[in-house]
Each structure stands twice: as structure tokens, then as C-alpha cells.
């Protein structure tokens, strides 16, 4: 039968090397049992590959992330069965842990944003501990971030901008699924173009890692879908008729230089110069110059 062993995988740093620990609950305190623990990794969707197995009386089992049998980017499982000493043929039903993804995660795993100037926080975290190979202050993993346009209808530069090109993952006690974390903000580029919804991606690459475990590792990308928004328009034309962004219409016959519009959030403004273009019968002004910043 099933003994409700509830195997769970957690990461640990042992003598500077990354290990995964499979812990499970003994059926009872007085159970004189043995446990068979099978470690496996997801080699392809729906298919697992065995990487290690052992029989132990302990309610836990360790396996090392050695970069060969287990590498960063692997999803790892442990499967546990229990039996009494002397009766190996009478085994409990095997119980699986949840898959543990070892490596870098982006949270959220995908983003849908709009060209509205809002900043969206993207968290970059490591599910495994950051080891310190030397005695200096290089105890960190630096990730180079980049963006790329993914074949949108109108080719062009990425539709997103990041607040930083690099982030540092500094070691901290593992909590939940995070052993190190950093944040970066993602903003949609307001391009004033009706180019439809576009998909870009954010990629991360470890920069010159000293730890062998990280050298051949490329984390998963995160896809960012940018929803195109209609561009706002305002007008000043002929003698001047003015239509504002929100649709108000009025005339301005004054002569001089005026502030036509100014952004509250960006260093952007437009000045317009109006000169006399009427006659002695009617006072009329016309646009004759514009300056934009």
C-alpha cells in the first residue's frame, strides 16, 4: 500500500558544492524500515532518465549537481519505496516527489503588457544555492540580460526596454524556491506606431562564472507580449483650430509663442508660434513655427 511518505526535494550547499536532498516521512517512529530512493531527471517531455539510486535506513537521500549526471536546467524527481529489514520483497507503492527545477527562473514566466509607460517587475531567481569558489568577494552570479524581437508582423527593434543590462545573484538562505533573487523592470516602448501586438523575449546569460556548474548553462527565456495601443493625437491647424488629445475643439486667434502641450511624466513638450495673418477687419492668427523637445 501507499505509506504517505511525501518525498520532497530541497537544495543544499555541502562543502561548497550544490546538492539536492530528498526528504520523506517515516510511516511511524518505530518503523524498522529501509528506503529505496531513485533519482531521475526529465530527459524529454514525459520521459525520465535514471541518474542515481540507493538503499538507505535514513529518511533522506542526497545527490550532487555535478554538471554531468545532473546539470542546471534539469527538472529532477525522487521516487521512494519503503520495506522492512529482511523483507525486501514486501515493498510499499513507489511515491514520487514533485519535479524540482534546478536553475534560473523568471517570475512571472511570461508577461503581457501594454504601451502605456507602466513598469512591470520581473524577478530573476536561482532555485539552487550560489557557491563561493574563492575567498574573495566574487560570491555571486552575474547575469547579462538582453532583449530580442520574435518575428513580429513588422520587423524592428525589441518592443521592450529593461531597467538594467545586468543583475547580480548574491547568495542568501534558501527559502521556498529561491536561493538568490534580483529584480529588473520591463517597460513597453511607446513607439507611436500602429504595429500590432508584438512578442519579444528577455534572455539571461551567466557572465564568466567561476563555478563549473554554471559555465555551460543558458537559462530559459521569458516571453513578453506587448499590446499595441492607439497613439494619442492633437492638432493645431489653419487659423488655428485646435483639437486636444481628449477631443476638445476651439479656436485661438492670439499672436505670440505658446506652449501647445507638455508631458507630466517625460521630458517632452511642444511650442507653437502664431503670427497675425488677418486683416484690419478680422483678427486672425496662423501657425508659422513649431518647436518640439
Foldseek 3Di string as FASTA:
>chain_A
DALQFAWAWAWDQDPQFIKIKIATDPSDPPQQKKKKKWKWWPPDVPDIDTQDIDIGSDRMDMDTCPLPSHAQQIWMKMWMWMDHPPCVVDIHDIDMHGTAHFFKAKPPLAAEEEQPFDKDKIKIFGQYFQGDPDDDPPRKWKKFKDKAWDDAPDDDGDQKDKPDRMDIWHADPRDDRGRTMDMIIMHGHNPQDPRAKTKMKMWIATDPDPDPRRPPDTDDIGIYIYGYDHDFDWDFAFLTWTADSVGDTDGDLDAAKAWPDQDPPDRKTKIWGWDFDDDPVDRTIGTDDMDID
